[in-house]
């Protein structure tokens, strides 16, 4: 299906991107500009080692606790100046039927097309998800509580269902509560709302569901000069969906991984966030030795 790119195994050899805003310093939250850099062999090795180690740790959680669905995040950018650790969020599930019954972890997530205001949904393995060039080699995960996770694995395999709340018009700093745009982390939590509650049938009802459960977005302080530079130089950043008063005050509300992780634990929808790193003593993993 042309709306969902299937698993492919050569992503680690593809062009990686770093997000810059032509002199503006807006945060790069799960978006892509189009400035290629060649990954070093060491960076590729570390990306692959992290993916393999995370797969092993998630498999152990599945055996021990029955974990099947979780939110998963990567740190592709340095967002420390905004008090943020992770840049991009996906929904991970264990597909027990994959790979001739051996099972594998899959991640569904959303990315804008390189440097553009259009987005696409992806289904990838962990090697692909962590193969976009990492700032910090770790995964952030939040395990969903059983009550919400029970029926999600089968739903997450349904390509058409996952497009229900997908808005292709991409804005890296989309306002969470209204407006026509949608960024990657926003798609993840709106889709989570839809999968958790059959009454959620639109983006409007998903937003109502999130408000009712006290989701609180991150407020970024972004000056007017930075906003102007970002808007002029980046097709995938807009501010016209934000309330005028808050926008003029430099208060930009948007969905971040860190705010989602805090909310999942606070609302009782998920467990406390975990940080998964490459385990000490792990050796570089050759493809074919671990299903990632």
C-alpha atoms as a PDB file:
ATOM      1  CA  UNK A   1       0.000   0.000   0.000  1.00  0.00           C
ATOM      2  CA  UNK A   2       1.434   3.362  -0.986  1.00  0.00           C
ATOM      3  CA  UNK A   3       0.440   5.002   2.294  1.00  0.00           C
ATOM      4  CA  UNK A   4       2.549   2.700   4.475  1.00  0.00           C
ATOM      5  CA  UNK A   5       6.129   1.796   3.734  1.00  0.00           C
ATOM      6  CA  UNK A   6       6.867  -1.792   4.542  1.00  0.00           C
ATOM      7  CA  UNK A   7       9.816  -3.105   6.431  1.00  0.00           C
ATOM      8  CA  UNK A   8      13.051  -2.731   4.551  1.00  0.00           C
ATOM      9  CA  UNK A   9      16.472  -3.845   5.670  1.00  0.00           C
ATOM     10  CA  UNK A  10      18.868  -1.431   4.084  1.00  0.00           C
ATOM     11  CA  UNK A  11      17.871   1.790   5.869  1.00  0.00           C
ATOM     12  CA  UNK A  12      21.117   1.929   7.846  1.00  0.00           C
ATOM     13  CA  UNK A  13      22.953   2.463   4.555  1.00  0.00           C
ATOM     14  CA  UNK A  14      20.611   5.228   3.411  1.00  0.00           C
ATOM     15  CA  UNK A  15      21.156   8.940   3.703  1.00  0.00           C
ATOM     16  CA  UNK A  16      20.742  10.298   7.222  1.00  0.00           C
ATOM     17  CA  UNK A  17      19.577  13.805   7.958  1.00  0.00           C
ATOM     18  CA  UNK A  18      20.146  16.430  10.589  1.00  0.00           C
ATOM     19  CA  UNK A  19      17.502  19.075  11.165  1.00  0.00           C
ATOM     20  CA  UNK A  20      18.656  22.684  10.993  1.00  0.00           C
ATOM     21  CA  UNK A  21      16.559  25.739  10.424  1.00  0.00           C
ATOM     22  CA  UNK A  22      18.831  27.930   8.308  1.00  0.00           C
ATOM     23  CA  UNK A  23      20.066  29.913  11.263  1.00  0.00           C
ATOM     24  CA  UNK A  24      16.908  29.656  13.354  1.00  0.00           C
ATOM     25  CA  UNK A  25      17.099  27.568  16.500  1.00  0.00           C
ATOM     26  CA  UNK A  26      13.667  25.981  16.640  1.00  0.00           C
ATOM     27  CA  UNK A  27      13.779  22.477  18.116  1.00  0.00           C
ATOM     28  CA  UNK A  28      13.808  19.573  15.681  1.00  0.00           C
ATOM     29  CA  UNK A  29      10.929  17.500  17.049  1.00  0.00           C
ATOM     30  CA  UNK A  30      10.521  14.396  14.921  1.00  0.00           C
ATOM     31  CA  UNK A  31      10.820  16.256  11.654  1.00  0.00           C
ATOM     32  CA  UNK A  32      13.187  16.022   8.720  1.00  0.00           C
ATOM     33  CA  UNK A  33      14.991  18.652   6.758  1.00  0.00           C
ATOM     34  CA  UNK A  34      17.060  17.334   3.862  1.00  0.00           C
ATOM     35  CA  UNK A  35      20.729  17.795   4.680  1.00  0.00           C
ATOM     36  CA  UNK A  36      22.533  14.493   4.128  1.00  0.00           C
ATOM     37  CA  UNK A  37      25.586  13.319   6.007  1.00  0.00           C
ATOM     38  CA  UNK A  38      27.459  10.085   5.626  1.00  0.00           C
ATOM     39  CA  UNK A  39      27.227   7.985   8.796  1.00  0.00           C
ATOM     40  CA  UNK A  40      30.510   6.720  10.110  1.00  0.00           C
ATOM     41  CA  UNK A  41      31.055   2.960  10.421  1.00  0.00           C
ATOM     42  CA  UNK A  42      31.207   3.405  14.198  1.00  0.00           C
ATOM     43  CA  UNK A  43      27.886   5.254  14.270  1.00  0.00           C
ATOM     44  CA  UNK A  44      26.242   2.548  12.167  1.00  0.00           C
ATOM     45  CA  UNK A  45      27.701  -0.138  14.408  1.00  0.00           C
ATOM     46  CA  UNK A  46      26.398   1.611  17.537  1.00  0.00           C
ATOM     47  CA  UNK A  47      22.937   2.118  15.990  1.00  0.00           C
ATOM     48  CA  UNK A  48      22.701  -1.558  15.098  1.00  0.00           C
ATOM     49  CA  UNK A  49      24.069  -2.698  18.456  1.00  0.00           C
ATOM     50  CA  UNK A  50      21.455  -0.576  20.256  1.00  0.00           C
ATOM     51  CA  UNK A  51      18.640  -1.997  18.119  1.00  0.00           C
ATOM     52  CA  UNK A  52      19.766  -5.564  18.797  1.00  0.00           C
ATOM     53  CA  UNK A  53      20.167  -4.961  22.519  1.00  0.00           C
ATOM     54  CA  UNK A  54      16.762  -3.256  22.786  1.00  0.00           C
ATOM     55  CA  UNK A  55      15.177  -6.183  20.936  1.00  0.00           C
ATOM     56  CA  UNK A  56      16.716  -8.612  23.419  1.00  0.00           C
ATOM     57  CA  UNK A  57      15.582  -6.540  26.400  1.00  0.00           C
ATOM     58  CA  UNK A  58      12.041  -6.208  25.052  1.00  0.00           C
ATOM     59  CA  UNK A  59      11.915  -9.954  24.399  1.00  0.00           C
ATOM     60  CA  UNK A  60      12.893 -10.540  28.017  1.00  0.00           C
ATOM     61  CA  UNK A  61      10.135  -8.170  29.167  1.00  0.00           C
ATOM     62  CA  UNK A  62       7.692 -10.084  26.973  1.00  0.00           C
ATOM     63  CA  UNK A  63       8.723 -13.415  28.510  1.00  0.00           C
ATOM     64  CA  UNK A  64       8.768 -12.102  32.060  1.00  0.00           C
ATOM     65  CA  UNK A  65       5.807  -9.710  32.131  1.00  0.00           C
ATOM     66  CA  UNK A  66       3.827 -10.458  29.001  1.00  0.00           C
ATOM     67  CA  UNK A  67       4.703  -7.067  27.478  1.00  0.00           C
ATOM     68  CA  UNK A  68       3.326  -6.776  23.960  1.00  0.00           C
ATOM     69  CA  UNK A  69       2.744  -3.055  23.326  1.00  0.00           C
ATOM     70  CA  UNK A  70       4.699   0.031  24.352  1.00  0.00           C
ATOM     71  CA  UNK A  71       5.547   3.550  23.346  1.00  0.00           C
ATOM     72  CA  UNK A  72       9.125   3.826  22.136  1.00  0.00           C
ATOM     73  CA  UNK A  73      11.268   6.900  21.567  1.00  0.00           C
ATOM     74  CA  UNK A  74      14.631   7.828  20.135  1.00  0.00           C
ATOM     75  CA  UNK A  75      16.914  10.806  20.717  1.00  0.00           C
ATOM     76  CA  UNK A  76      17.860  11.961  17.251  1.00  0.00           C
ATOM     77  CA  UNK A  77      18.557  15.576  18.196  1.00  0.00           C
ATOM     78  CA  UNK A  78      20.064  17.534  21.085  1.00  0.00           C
ATOM     79  CA  UNK A  79      17.001  19.177  22.640  1.00  0.00           C
ATOM     80  CA  UNK A  80      18.652  19.878  25.987  1.00  0.00           C
ATOM     81  CA  UNK A  81      18.135  23.631  25.725  1.00  0.00           C
ATOM     82  CA  UNK A  82      14.388  22.961  25.808  1.00  0.00           C
ATOM     83  CA  UNK A  83      14.613  20.514  28.700  1.00  0.00           C
ATOM     84  CA  UNK A  84      13.748  17.578  26.439  1.00  0.00           C
ATOM     85  CA  UNK A  85      15.467  14.215  26.113  1.00  0.00           C
ATOM     86  CA  UNK A  86      13.760  12.471  23.179  1.00  0.00           C
ATOM     87  CA  UNK A  87      12.847  13.744  19.737  1.00  0.00           C
ATOM     88  CA  UNK A  88      10.584  11.147  18.134  1.00  0.00           C
ATOM     89  CA  UNK A  89       7.865   8.732  19.262  1.00  0.00           C
ATOM     90  CA  UNK A  90       6.421   5.537  17.838  1.00  0.00           C
ATOM     91  CA  UNK A  91       4.156   2.696  18.961  1.00  0.00           C
ATOM     92  CA  UNK A  92       5.949  -0.648  19.213  1.00  0.00           C
ATOM     93  CA  UNK A  93       4.337  -4.067  19.349  1.00  0.00           C
ATOM     94  CA  UNK A  94       5.507  -7.637  19.243  1.00  0.00           C
ATOM     95  CA  UNK A  95       4.311  -9.506  16.173  1.00  0.00           C
ATOM     96  CA  UNK A  96       4.502 -13.112  17.351  1.00  0.00           C
ATOM     97  CA  UNK A  97       3.693 -14.446  13.877  1.00  0.00           C
ATOM     98  CA  UNK A  98       6.496 -12.578  12.131  1.00  0.00           C
ATOM     99  CA  UNK A  99       9.578 -14.308  10.738  1.00  0.00           C
ATOM    100  CA  UNK A 100       7.976 -17.725  10.449  1.00  0.00           C
ATOM    101  CA  UNK A 101       6.783 -17.679  14.034  1.00  0.00           C
ATOM    102  CA  UNK A 102      10.008 -16.490  15.640  1.00  0.00           C
ATOM    103  CA  UNK A 103       8.387 -13.132  16.330  1.00  0.00           C
ATOM    104  CA  UNK A 104       9.799  -9.627  16.034  1.00  0.00           C
ATOM    105  CA  UNK A 105       9.223  -6.103  17.328  1.00  0.00           C
ATOM    106  CA  UNK A 106       7.686  -3.640  14.915  1.00  0.00           C
ATOM    107  CA  UNK A 107       7.304   0.136  15.243  1.00  0.00           C
ATOM    108  CA  UNK A 108       4.596   2.212  13.591  1.00  0.00           C
ATOM    109  CA  UNK A 109       5.348   5.908  13.376  1.00  0.00           C
ATOM    110  CA  UNK A 110       5.018   9.013  11.246  1.00  0.00           C
ATOM    111  CA  UNK A 111       7.666  11.102   9.481  1.00  0.00           C
ATOM    112  CA  UNK A 112       7.464  14.051   7.163  1.00  0.00           C
ATOM    113  CA  UNK A 113       8.932  13.563   3.734  1.00  0.00           C
ATOM    114  CA  UNK A 114      12.402  15.030   3.534  1.00  0.00           C
ATOM    115  CA  UNK A 115      12.247  18.763   4.253  1.00  0.00           C
ATOM    116  CA  UNK A 116       8.576  18.995   3.304  1.00  0.00           C
ATOM    117  CA  UNK A 117       5.190  19.648   4.851  1.00  0.00           C
ATOM    118  CA  UNK A 118       3.851  16.235   3.782  1.00  0.00           C
ATOM    119  CA  UNK A 119       4.077  13.119   5.926  1.00  0.00           C
ATOM    120  CA  UNK A 120       3.856   9.351   5.616  1.00  0.00           C
ATOM    121  CA  UNK A 121       3.288   6.455   8.001  1.00  0.00           C
ATOM    122  CA  UNK A 122       5.958   3.792   8.418  1.00  0.00           C
ATOM    123  CA  UNK A 123       6.133   0.285   9.807  1.00  0.00           C
ATOM    124  CA  UNK A 124       9.725  -0.656  10.614  1.00  0.00           C
ATOM    125  CA  UNK A 125      11.885  -2.982  12.626  1.00  0.00           C
ATOM    126  CA  UNK A 126      14.041  -1.671  15.433  1.00  0.00           C
ATOM    127  CA  UNK A 127      17.138  -1.482  13.219  1.00  0.00           C
ATOM    128  CA  UNK A 128      15.350   0.914  10.889  1.00  0.00           C
ATOM    129  CA  UNK A 129      13.773   2.925  13.697  1.00  0.00           C
ATOM    130  CA  UNK A 130      17.132   3.501  15.381  1.00  0.00           C
ATOM    131  CA  UNK A 131      19.033   3.860  12.123  1.00  0.00           C
ATOM    132  CA  UNK A 132      18.331   7.534  11.421  1.00  0.00           C
ATOM    133  CA  UNK A 133      21.399   8.864  13.238  1.00  0.00           C
ATOM    134  CA  UNK A 134      21.132   9.145  17.015  1.00  0.00           C
ATOM    135  CA  UNK A 135      22.309  11.900  19.311  1.00  0.00           C
ATOM    136  CA  UNK A 136      22.084   9.592  22.335  1.00  0.00           C
ATOM    137  CA  UNK A 137      22.250   5.829  21.929  1.00  0.00           C
ATOM    138  CA  UNK A 138      19.329   4.820  24.105  1.00  0.00           C
ATOM    139  CA  UNK A 139      15.658   4.010  23.762  1.00  0.00           C
ATOM    140  CA  UNK A 140      12.932   5.475  25.915  1.00  0.00           C
ATOM    141  CA  UNK A 141      10.007   3.125  26.485  1.00  0.00           C
ATOM    142  CA  UNK A 142       6.708   3.215  28.336  1.00  0.00           C
ATOM    143  CA  UNK A 143       4.872  -0.091  28.688  1.00  0.00           C
ATOM    144  CA  UNK A 144       1.109   0.272  28.329  1.00  0.00           C
ATOM    145  CA  UNK A 145      -1.042  -1.018  31.157  1.00  0.00           C
ATOM    146  CA  UNK A 146      -2.734  -4.364  30.341  1.00  0.00           C
ATOM    147  CA  UNK A 147      -6.217  -2.847  30.242  1.00  0.00           C
ATOM    148  CA  UNK A 148      -5.297  -0.622  27.317  1.00  0.00           C
ATOM    149  CA  UNK A 149      -2.729  -2.902  25.670  1.00  0.00           C
ATOM    150  CA  UNK A 150      -4.759  -6.107  25.387  1.00  0.00           C
ATOM    151  CA  UNK A 151      -6.310  -5.571  21.956  1.00  0.00           C
ATOM    152  CA  UNK A 152      -3.734  -3.266  20.418  1.00  0.00           C
ATOM    153  CA  UNK A 153      -1.329  -5.775  18.775  1.00  0.00           C
ATOM    154  CA  UNK A 154      -3.879  -6.910  16.203  1.00  0.00           C
ATOM    155  CA  UNK A 155      -5.091  -3.359  15.596  1.00  0.00           C
ATOM    156  CA  UNK A 156      -1.540  -2.157  15.031  1.00  0.00           C
ATOM    157  CA  UNK A 157      -1.184  -4.645  12.157  1.00  0.00           C
ATOM    158  CA  UNK A 158      -4.103  -3.032  10.309  1.00  0.00           C
ATOM    159  CA  UNK A 159      -2.640  -0.622   7.756  1.00  0.00           C
ATOM    160  CA  UNK A 160      -5.941   1.011   6.892  1.00  0.00           C
ATOM    161  CA  UNK A 161      -6.940   1.503  10.526  1.00  0.00           C
ATOM    162  CA  UNK A 162      -3.675   3.303  11.271  1.00  0.00           C
ATOM    163  CA  UNK A 163      -4.407   5.889   8.587  1.00  0.00           C
ATOM    164  CA  UNK A 164      -7.771   6.837  10.147  1.00  0.00           C
ATOM    165  CA  UNK A 165      -6.437   9.832  12.070  1.00  0.00           C
ATOM    166  CA  UNK A 166      -3.406  10.486   9.903  1.00  0.00           C
ATOM    167  CA  UNK A 167      -3.274  14.052   8.612  1.00  0.00           C
ATOM    168  CA  UNK A 168      -0.628  14.319   5.854  1.00  0.00           C
ATOM    169  CA  UNK A 169      -0.245  18.090   6.347  1.00  0.00           C
ATOM    170  CA  UNK A 170       2.787  18.131   8.590  1.00  0.00           C
ATOM    171  CA  UNK A 171       3.905  20.809  11.019  1.00  0.00           C
ATOM    172  CA  UNK A 172       6.775  19.981  13.360  1.00  0.00           C
ATOM    173  CA  UNK A 173       5.338  22.356  15.987  1.00  0.00           C
ATOM    174  CA  UNK A 174       1.628  21.677  15.413  1.00  0.00           C
ATOM    175  CA  UNK A 175      -0.767  23.007  18.040  1.00  0.00           C
ATOM    176  CA  UNK A 176      -2.247  20.016  19.929  1.00  0.00           C
ATOM    177  CA  UNK A 177      -5.828  21.156  20.386  1.00  0.00           C
ATOM    178  CA  UNK A 178      -6.968  22.548  17.041  1.00  0.00           C
ATOM    179  CA  UNK A 179      -5.833  23.359  13.534  1.00  0.00           C
ATOM    180  CA  UNK A 180      -5.267  21.400  10.354  1.00  0.00           C
ATOM    181  CA  UNK A 181      -1.734  20.119  10.949  1.00  0.00           C
ATOM    182  CA  UNK A 182      -0.309  17.075  12.701  1.00  0.00           C
ATOM    183  CA  UNK A 183       3.214  16.194  13.800  1.00  0.00           C
ATOM    184  CA  UNK A 184       4.671  12.762  14.466  1.00  0.00           C
ATOM    185  CA  UNK A 185       4.234  12.550  18.229  1.00  0.00           C
ATOM    186  CA  UNK A 186       0.717  13.944  17.872  1.00  0.00           C
ATOM    187  CA  UNK A 187      -0.276  11.188  15.444  1.00  0.00           C
ATOM    188  CA  UNK A 188       0.995   8.595  17.923  1.00  0.00           C
ATOM    189  CA  UNK A 189      -1.109   9.764  20.869  1.00  0.00           C
ATOM    190  CA  UNK A 190      -4.206  10.543  18.797  1.00  0.00           C
ATOM    191  CA  UNK A 191      -3.989   7.050  17.302  1.00  0.00           C
ATOM    192  CA  UNK A 192      -3.436   5.576  20.761  1.00  0.00           C
ATOM    193  CA  UNK A 193      -6.662   7.278  21.872  1.00  0.00           C
ATOM    194  CA  UNK A 194      -8.542   5.803  18.907  1.00  0.00           C
ATOM    195  CA  UNK A 195      -7.223   2.290  19.515  1.00  0.00           C
ATOM    196  CA  UNK A 196      -8.000   2.494  23.239  1.00  0.00           C
ATOM    197  CA  UNK A 197     -11.564   3.799  22.939  1.00  0.00           C
ATOM    198  CA  UNK A 198     -14.056   2.904  20.170  1.00  0.00           C
ATOM    199  CA  UNK A 199     -15.827   6.225  20.801  1.00  0.00           C
ATOM    200  CA  UNK A 200     -12.823   8.047  19.322  1.00  0.00           C
ATOM    201  CA  UNK A 201     -13.602   8.287  15.614  1.00  0.00           C
ATOM    202  CA  UNK A 202     -11.994  11.576  14.567  1.00  0.00           C
ATOM    203  CA  UNK A 203      -9.142  13.888  15.433  1.00  0.00           C
ATOM    204  CA  UNK A 204     -11.599  16.098  17.314  1.00  0.00           C
ATOM    205  CA  UNK A 205     -12.792  13.243  19.530  1.00  0.00           C
ATOM    206  CA  UNK A 206      -9.194  12.101  20.012  1.00  0.00           C
ATOM    207  CA  UNK A 207      -8.285  15.583  21.237  1.00  0.00           C
ATOM    208  CA  UNK A 208     -11.283  15.531  23.590  1.00  0.00           C
ATOM    209  CA  UNK A 209     -10.154  12.122  24.891  1.00  0.00           C
ATOM    210  CA  UNK A 210      -6.652  13.408  25.555  1.00  0.00           C
ATOM    211  CA  UNK A 211      -7.934  16.535  27.308  1.00  0.00           C
ATOM    212  CA  UNK A 212     -10.281  14.469  29.473  1.00  0.00           C
ATOM    213  CA  UNK A 213      -7.295  12.421  30.629  1.00  0.00           C
ATOM    214  CA  UNK A 214      -5.248  15.512  31.398  1.00  0.00           C
ATOM    215  CA  UNK A 215      -2.659  15.339  28.672  1.00  0.00           C
ATOM    216  CA  UNK A 216      -0.529  18.495  28.944  1.00  0.00           C
ATOM    217  CA  UNK A 217       1.655  19.530  26.013  1.00  0.00           C
ATOM    218  CA  UNK A 218       5.081  21.099  26.347  1.00  0.00           C
ATOM    219  CA  UNK A 219       5.254  24.876  26.085  1.00  0.00           C
ATOM    220  CA  UNK A 220       8.351  25.984  24.190  1.00  0.00           C
ATOM    221  CA  UNK A 221       9.609  29.548  24.445  1.00  0.00           C
ATOM    222  CA  UNK A 222      10.383  30.610  20.867  1.00  0.00           C
ATOM    223  CA  UNK A 223      11.072  34.244  20.005  1.00  0.00           C
ATOM    224  CA  UNK A 224       9.431  36.087  17.128  1.00  0.00           C
ATOM    225  CA  UNK A 225      12.751  36.318  15.275  1.00  0.00           C
ATOM    226  CA  UNK A 226      13.307  32.589  15.529  1.00  0.00           C
ATOM    227  CA  UNK A 227       9.724  31.915  14.444  1.00  0.00           C
ATOM    228  CA  UNK A 228      10.148  34.146  11.408  1.00  0.00           C
ATOM    229  CA  UNK A 229      13.418  32.489  10.386  1.00  0.00           C
ATOM    230  CA  UNK A 230      11.971  29.026  10.813  1.00  0.00           C
ATOM    231  CA  UNK A 231       8.807  29.830   8.876  1.00  0.00           C
ATOM    232  CA  UNK A 232      10.687  31.362   5.960  1.00  0.00           C
ATOM    233  CA  UNK A 233      13.313  28.644   5.674  1.00  0.00           C
ATOM    234  CA  UNK A 234      11.425  25.449   6.541  1.00  0.00           C
ATOM    235  CA  UNK A 235       8.393  24.097   4.734  1.00  0.00           C
ATOM    236  CA  UNK A 236       7.569  21.807   7.660  1.00  0.00           C
ATOM    237  CA  UNK A 237       7.227  24.511  10.344  1.00  0.00           C
ATOM    238  CA  UNK A 238       4.157  26.729  10.731  1.00  0.00           C
ATOM    239  CA  UNK A 239       2.747  28.782  13.581  1.00  0.00           C
ATOM    240  CA  UNK A 240      -0.587  29.891  12.152  1.00  0.00           C
ATOM    241  CA  UNK A 241      -2.472  27.149  13.995  1.00  0.00           C
ATOM    242  CA  UNK A 242      -1.416  28.469  17.425  1.00  0.00           C
ATOM    243  CA  UNK A 243      -3.642  30.877  19.396  1.00  0.00           C
ATOM    244  CA  UNK A 244      -2.647  34.440  18.498  1.00  0.00           C
ATOM    245  CA  UNK A 245      -2.027  35.631  22.055  1.00  0.00           C
ATOM    246  CA  UNK A 246       0.225  32.745  23.006  1.00  0.00           C
ATOM    247  CA  UNK A 247       2.027  32.898  19.674  1.00  0.00           C
ATOM    248  CA  UNK A 248       2.811  36.613  20.105  1.00  0.00           C
ATOM    249  CA  UNK A 249       4.066  35.872  23.618  1.00  0.00           C
ATOM    250  CA  UNK A 250       6.455  33.271  22.190  1.00  0.00           C
ATOM    251  CA  UNK A 251       4.583  30.422  23.908  1.00  0.00           C
ATOM    252  CA  UNK A 252       4.364  27.505  21.488  1.00  0.00           C
ATOM    253  CA  UNK A 253       2.465  24.456  22.759  1.00  0.00           C
ATOM    254  CA  UNK A 254       3.251  21.156  21.063  1.00  0.00           C
ATOM    255  CA  UNK A 255       3.364  17.407  21.681  1.00  0.00           C
ATOM    256  CA  UNK A 256       6.756  16.162  22.837  1.00  0.00           C
ATOM    257  CA  UNK A 257       7.900  12.688  23.800  1.00  0.00           C
ATOM    258  CA  UNK A 258       8.812  13.872  27.284  1.00  0.00           C
ATOM    259  CA  UNK A 259       5.337  15.294  27.901  1.00  0.00           C
ATOM    260  CA  UNK A 260       3.728  12.086  26.626  1.00  0.00           C
ATOM    261  CA  UNK A 261       5.893   9.901  28.854  1.00  0.00           C
ATOM    262  CA  UNK A 262       5.074  12.004  31.947  1.00  0.00           C
ATOM    263  CA  UNK A 263       1.369  11.902  31.086  1.00  0.00           C
ATOM    264  CA  UNK A 264       1.261   8.143  30.524  1.00  0.00           C
ATOM    265  CA  UNK A 265       2.507   7.484  34.042  1.00  0.00           C
ATOM    266  CA  UNK A 266       0.442  10.281  35.636  1.00  0.00           C
ATOM    267  CA  UNK A 267      -2.791   9.133  33.971  1.00  0.00           C
ATOM    268  CA  UNK A 268      -2.295   5.465  34.829  1.00  0.00           C
ATOM    269  CA  UNK A 269      -2.265   4.468  31.166  1.00  0.00           C
ATOM    270  CA  UNK A 270       1.336   3.316  31.283  1.00  0.00           C
ATOM    271  CA  UNK A 271       4.186   2.296  33.524  1.00  0.00           C
ATOM    272  CA  UNK A 272       7.056   4.554  34.544  1.00  0.00           C
ATOM    273  CA  UNK A 273       9.373   5.390  31.608  1.00  0.00           C
ATOM    274  CA  UNK A 274      12.433   3.184  31.134  1.00  0.00           C
ATOM    275  CA  UNK A 275      15.745   3.947  29.446  1.00  0.00           C
ATOM    276  CA  UNK A 276      17.179   1.043  27.500  1.00  0.00           C
ATOM    277  CA  UNK A 277      20.802   1.205  26.416  1.00  0.00           C
ATOM    278  CA  UNK A 278      23.188  -1.222  24.785  1.00  0.00           C
ATOM    279  CA  UNK A 279      23.922  -3.705  27.547  1.00  0.00           C
ATOM    280  CA  UNK A 280      27.486  -3.742  28.936  1.00  0.00           C
ATOM    281  CA  UNK A 281      29.554  -6.403  27.265  1.00  0.00           C
ATOM    282  CA  UNK A 282      27.324  -6.570  24.196  1.00  0.00           C
ATOM    283  CA  UNK A 283      29.394  -7.170  21.124  1.00  0.00           C
ATOM    284  CA  UNK A 284      28.509  -5.734  17.723  1.00  0.00           C
ATOM    285  CA  UNK A 285      25.686  -7.777  16.243  1.00  0.00           C
ATOM    286  CA  UNK A 286      25.929  -9.097  12.722  1.00  0.00           C
ATOM    287  CA  UNK A 287      22.750  -9.088  10.669  1.00  0.00           C
ATOM    288  CA  UNK A 288      21.084 -12.448  10.718  1.00  0.00           C
ATOM    289  CA  UNK A 289      22.012 -13.213  14.323  1.00  0.00           C
ATOM    290  CA  UNK A 290      19.138 -11.300  15.944  1.00  0.00           C
ATOM    291  CA  UNK A 291      15.740 -10.465  14.437  1.00  0.00           C
ATOM    292  CA  UNK A 292      15.578  -6.681  14.554  1.00  0.00           C
END
